[in-house]
Protein backbone atom coordinates (compact mmCIF):
# COMPACT_ATOMS: atom_id res chain seq x y z
CA MET A 1 0.00 0.00 0.00
CA ILE A 2 2.81 2.41 -0.82
CA ASP A 3 1.39 5.91 -1.14
CA PHE A 4 -1.88 4.64 0.29
CA GLU A 5 -4.21 7.25 -1.14
CA LYS A 6 -2.89 6.60 -4.64
CA HIS A 7 -4.37 3.12 -4.23
CA ARG A 8 -7.77 4.78 -3.83
CA SER A 9 -7.65 5.39 -7.55
CA ASP A 10 -10.37 6.35 -10.01
CA LYS A 11 -8.67 4.81 -13.03
CA ILE A 12 -10.70 2.47 -15.21
CA GLU A 13 -11.57 -0.96 -13.77
CA TYR A 14 -9.38 -0.44 -10.71
CA ILE A 15 -9.81 -2.80 -7.77
CA TYR A 16 -7.64 -3.16 -4.67
CA ASN A 17 -7.89 -5.82 -1.94
CA GLN A 18 -6.53 -5.83 1.60
CA ASN A 19 -6.88 -8.26 4.52
CA ASP A 20 -6.30 -6.93 8.02
CA ILE A 21 -5.95 -7.96 11.62
CA ASN A 22 -6.94 -5.13 14.00
CA LEU A 23 -7.40 -2.42 11.36
CA ASP A 24 -6.78 1.14 12.56
CA PHE A 25 -6.70 4.01 10.12
CA GLN A 26 -7.07 7.77 10.52
CA LYS A 27 -9.75 9.88 8.83
CA HIS A 28 -9.28 10.11 5.09
CA THR A 29 -11.19 10.25 1.84
CA HIS A 30 -10.67 9.19 -1.77
CA ARG A 31 -12.36 9.19 -5.14
CA SER A 32 -13.39 5.53 -5.20
CA PHE A 33 -15.88 3.25 -3.47
CA GLU A 34 -14.71 1.27 -0.46
CA ILE A 35 -16.33 -1.73 1.19
CA SER A 36 -15.16 -3.43 4.39
CA PHE A 37 -16.25 -6.83 5.68
CA VAL A 38 -15.76 -8.18 9.19
CA TYR A 39 -14.96 -11.90 9.51
CA GLU A 40 -14.32 -11.98 13.25
CA GLY A 41 -14.51 -9.55 16.16
CA VAL A 42 -15.70 -5.94 16.05
CA LEU A 43 -14.58 -3.04 13.86
CA LYS A 44 -15.62 0.56 14.46
CA CYS A 45 -16.01 2.66 11.35
CA GLU A 46 -16.67 6.39 11.50
CA VAL A 47 -18.26 7.89 8.39
CA GLU A 48 -18.73 11.66 8.33
CA GLY A 49 -19.05 11.82 12.11
CA GLN A 50 -21.39 8.83 12.47
CA ILE A 51 -19.98 5.71 14.14
CA PHE A 52 -20.97 2.21 12.98
CA GLU A 53 -19.95 -0.85 14.98
CA LEU A 54 -19.46 -3.73 12.55
CA LYS A 55 -19.66 -7.28 13.84
CA SER A 56 -18.92 -10.65 12.28
CA GLY A 57 -20.96 -11.09 9.11
CA GLN A 58 -21.43 -7.36 8.54
CA GLY A 59 -19.91 -4.95 6.06
CA ILE A 60 -20.08 -1.25 5.24
CA MET A 61 -20.04 0.74 2.01
CA ILE A 62 -18.12 4.02 1.85
CA LEU A 63 -19.08 6.26 -1.05
CA PRO A 64 -16.57 8.28 -3.10
CA GLY A 65 -15.57 11.44 -1.25
CA GLN A 66 -16.87 10.39 2.17
CA ILE A 67 -14.45 11.01 5.03
CA HIS A 68 -14.02 7.87 7.13
CA SER A 69 -11.77 6.06 9.57
CA TYR A 70 -11.39 2.65 11.25
CA LYS A 71 -10.60 1.61 14.80
CA THR A 72 -10.22 -1.79 16.49
CA GLU A 73 -10.52 -1.77 20.27
CA ASN A 74 -9.95 -5.46 20.99
CA TYR A 75 -9.70 -7.80 18.01
CA CYS A 76 -10.95 -7.82 14.45
CA LYS A 77 -10.22 -9.81 11.30
CA SER A 78 -11.47 -7.95 8.25
CA TYR A 79 -11.26 -7.52 4.49
CA LEU A 80 -11.27 -4.23 2.63
CA CYS A 81 -11.88 -3.59 -1.06
CA VAL A 82 -11.47 -0.31 -2.94
CA PHE A 83 -12.82 -0.09 -6.47
CA SER A 84 -13.24 2.58 -9.13
CA ASN A 85 -16.65 4.05 -9.89
CA ASP A 86 -16.94 2.51 -13.36
CA TRP A 87 -17.51 -0.95 -11.86
CA VAL A 88 -20.94 0.25 -10.68
CA ASN A 89 -21.48 3.24 -12.95
CA GLU A 90 -25.29 3.18 -12.94
CA PHE A 91 -25.36 3.03 -9.16
CA TYR A 92 -22.80 5.83 -8.91
CA LYS A 93 -24.92 8.11 -11.12
CA LYS A 94 -28.01 7.27 -9.06
CA ILE A 95 -26.51 8.16 -5.65
CA LYS A 96 -24.25 11.07 -6.65
CA GLY A 97 -24.98 14.03 -4.38
CA TYR A 98 -26.50 11.75 -1.72
CA HIS A 99 -25.30 9.49 1.08
CA PHE A 100 -26.86 6.60 2.99
CA GLU A 101 -28.29 6.98 6.46
CA ASN A 102 -27.10 3.45 7.29
CA PRO A 103 -24.55 1.98 4.83
CA VAL A 104 -24.14 -1.29 6.78
CA PHE A 105 -25.03 -4.58 5.08
CA SER A 106 -24.77 -8.27 5.96
CA PHE A 107 -23.17 -11.23 4.19
CA LYS A 108 -23.63 -14.94 4.92
CA ASP A 109 -20.25 -16.29 3.81
CA ASP A 110 -16.97 -15.13 2.36
CA LEU A 111 -17.82 -16.06 -1.25
CA VAL A 112 -18.15 -12.37 -2.13
CA CYS A 113 -14.71 -11.63 -0.70
CA ARG A 114 -13.16 -14.59 -2.51
CA VAL A 115 -14.62 -13.51 -5.86
CA LEU A 116 -13.28 -9.98 -5.48
CA GLN A 117 -9.81 -11.19 -4.49
CA ASP A 118 -9.53 -13.94 -7.10
CA GLY A 119 -7.42 -12.66 -9.97
CA GLN A 120 -9.17 -15.17 -12.26
CA SER A 121 -12.67 -13.71 -11.70
CA ASP A 122 -14.00 -12.18 -14.90
CA LYS A 123 -15.27 -8.61 -14.83
CA PHE A 124 -18.91 -9.61 -15.27
CA LEU A 125 -18.78 -11.77 -12.15
CA ILE A 126 -17.06 -8.96 -10.23
CA LYS A 127 -19.67 -6.45 -11.38
CA SER A 128 -22.52 -8.78 -10.37
CA VAL A 129 -21.04 -9.12 -6.87
CA LEU A 130 -20.50 -5.38 -6.46
CA TYR A 131 -23.95 -4.51 -7.79
CA GLY A 132 -25.42 -7.07 -5.39
CA ILE A 133 -23.88 -5.20 -2.46
CA CYS A 134 -25.04 -1.87 -3.90
CA SER A 135 -28.56 -3.23 -4.22
CA GLN A 136 -28.62 -4.41 -0.62
CA VAL A 137 -27.51 -1.03 0.73
CA PHE A 138 -29.85 0.84 -1.63
CA LYS A 139 -32.89 -1.22 -0.61
CA HIS A 140 -32.36 -1.10 3.14
CA SER A 141 -31.07 2.42 3.76
CA LYS A 142 -32.59 5.86 3.36
CA MET A 143 -30.80 8.25 1.00
CA LEU A 144 -29.98 11.69 2.36
CA LYS A 145 -28.92 14.80 0.46
CA THR A 146 -25.25 15.65 0.93
CA ASN A 147 -24.14 19.16 1.91
CA GLU A 148 -22.38 19.90 -1.36
CA SER A 149 -20.29 22.88 -0.24
CA ASP A 150 -18.87 21.08 2.83
CA PHE A 151 -18.37 17.91 0.80
CA MET A 152 -16.35 19.74 -1.84
CA LEU A 153 -14.23 21.61 0.71
CA ILE A 154 -13.42 18.45 2.68
CA ASN A 155 -12.30 16.70 -0.48
CA SER A 156 -10.33 19.71 -1.71
CA LEU A 157 -8.36 19.73 1.53
CA ALA A 158 -7.78 15.97 1.58
CA PHE A 159 -6.71 15.79 -2.05
CA TYR A 160 -4.46 18.82 -1.63
CA ILE A 161 -2.58 16.96 1.10
CA GLN A 162 -2.40 13.78 -1.01
CA ASP A 163 -0.94 15.72 -3.93
CA ASN A 164 1.45 17.93 -1.96
CA TYR A 165 2.57 16.01 1.16
CA ARG A 166 6.18 16.00 -0.07
CA ASN A 167 6.26 19.80 -0.02
CA ASN A 168 6.32 22.21 2.91
CA ILE A 169 2.56 22.81 3.10
CA SER A 170 0.63 24.91 5.60
CA LEU A 171 -3.01 25.67 6.23
CA LYS A 172 -2.27 29.39 6.05
CA ASP A 173 -1.04 29.05 2.47
CA ILE A 174 -4.02 26.87 1.55
CA SER A 175 -6.48 29.35 3.06
CA LYS A 176 -5.00 32.11 0.90
CA ASP A 177 -5.15 29.96 -2.24
CA MET A 178 -8.75 28.90 -1.58
CA GLY A 179 -9.97 32.30 -0.45
CA TYR A 180 -11.01 31.29 3.08
CA SER A 181 -9.99 32.89 6.35
CA TYR A 182 -7.38 30.90 8.22
CA CYS A 183 -9.50 30.76 11.39
CA TYR A 184 -12.51 29.38 9.53
CA LEU A 185 -10.51 26.78 7.64
CA SER A 186 -8.66 25.69 10.78
CA SER A 187 -11.92 25.23 12.67
CA PHE A 188 -13.48 23.42 9.69
CA PHE A 189 -10.51 21.07 9.37
CA ASN A 190 -10.51 20.19 13.08
CA ALA A 191 -14.25 19.55 13.06
CA ASN A 192 -14.17 17.25 10.03
CA PHE A 193 -10.83 15.47 10.39
CA GLY A 194 -10.77 15.24 14.18
CA MET A 195 -7.32 16.84 14.52
CA GLY A 196 -5.30 19.85 13.48
CA PHE A 197 -3.86 20.24 10.00
CA SER A 198 -0.21 19.68 10.98
CA CYS A 199 -1.08 16.60 13.01
CA TYR A 200 -3.03 15.13 10.09
CA VAL A 201 -0.21 15.77 7.61
CA ASN A 202 2.34 14.18 9.96
CA ASN A 203 0.06 11.18 10.47
CA TYR A 204 -0.32 10.88 6.71
CA ARG A 205 3.45 11.00 6.17
CA THR A 206 4.01 8.49 8.98
CA GLU A 207 1.57 5.99 7.46
CA LEU A 208 3.40 6.26 4.15
CA ALA A 209 6.74 5.79 5.89
CA LYS A 210 5.47 2.64 7.63
CA GLU A 211 4.56 1.16 4.26
CA TYR A 212 7.97 1.98 2.79
CA LEU A 213 9.67 0.47 5.83
CA ASN A 214 7.52 -2.66 5.63
CA GLN A 215 7.59 -3.25 1.91
CA THR A 216 10.88 -1.90 0.58
CA ASP A 217 14.58 -1.90 1.39
CA LYS A 218 14.96 1.84 0.84
CA ASP A 219 17.20 3.49 3.41
CA ILE A 220 15.87 5.76 6.14
CA ALA A 221 17.12 8.97 4.53
CA GLU A 222 15.41 8.18 1.22
CA ILE A 223 12.13 7.29 2.91
CA SER A 224 12.30 10.52 4.89
CA LEU A 225 12.58 12.49 1.66
CA LEU A 226 9.88 10.50 -0.16
CA CYS A 227 7.41 11.12 2.66
CA GLY A 228 7.98 14.85 2.89
CA PHE A 229 9.90 15.14 6.16
CA GLU A 230 12.28 18.10 6.27
CA THR A 231 15.22 16.16 7.74
CA VAL A 232 15.99 12.65 8.94
CA ARG A 233 16.11 14.01 12.47
CA ASN A 234 12.62 15.45 12.03
CA PHE A 235 11.48 12.13 10.55
CA ASN A 236 12.83 10.18 13.53
CA ARG A 237 11.23 12.53 16.06
CA ILE A 238 7.77 12.58 14.47
CA PHE A 239 7.74 8.87 13.63
CA LYS A 240 8.63 7.95 17.21
CA SER A 241 5.97 10.29 18.61
CA LYS A 242 3.35 8.50 16.46
CA THR A 243 4.49 4.88 16.82
CA GLY A 244 6.64 4.73 19.94
CA MET A 245 9.60 3.57 17.84
CA THR A 246 12.19 5.11 15.56
CA PRO A 247 11.96 4.14 11.87
CA ARG A 248 14.95 1.84 12.29
CA GLU A 249 13.40 0.11 15.31
CA PHE A 250 10.13 -0.27 13.40
CA ARG A 251 11.93 -1.96 10.50
CA ILE A 252 13.91 -4.27 12.80
CA LYS A 253 10.69 -5.34 14.53
CA ARG A 254 9.17 -6.18 11.15
CA ILE A 255 12.23 -8.24 10.17
CA LEU A 256 12.17 -10.14 13.48
CA LYS A 257 8.47 -10.94 13.01
CA ALA A 258 9.16 -12.25 9.53
CA THR A 259 11.94 -14.55 10.76
CA GLU A 260 9.68 -15.90 13.53
CA VAL A 261 7.15 -16.98 10.94
């Protein structure tokens, strides 16, 4: 999941699969659909300020542009799928400008998950599975009109960070570019993302760094640069404040886990 928001792509016939134990992920948004299924345990999902507690046999649909996060308090085994809008184009056109009051759905077995993860599944089978989920949510949940101005501003801020995290970005500069007062934008950001702008950006960069450390052999200095940290020292300080470990310690722990297996 290097550059994790780039995986939330809107390119044609894009689909991404991920299996997790104890999923935790900060508030974010992207241009694609996202569905999460819980196999075991309990997963809390916050969607635009509303918290849904997903239990075994339940899933949730996140619509394009919705800000959401995940948290596991005890234990959870789950599966997550992100897919581009063209897979369910008719559904996307139908719900654009709206959101669901309750986007939770149920599934009886993991056949759906296996179809979506099987690289041999043809696109018609994948579409039938995805449309089946869309149908279930559509039938059992009330559609509500989305606040378009807030929706657009939230996404503008999130996508700005995704596109510019390697640069020295600040909310003051963004407020000038967008024509908002700094105080208003700061308050808006805190209310919708649950933290200040700088904290969010550092969390974003840290998540990227964790993926580089886990999945590549790039050295610490290169990862620091790729993730937008000003210096390696700054990278070490912020990474440790977020994870309790330095980047080097984090990588060593990953290597030790791999050798144990």
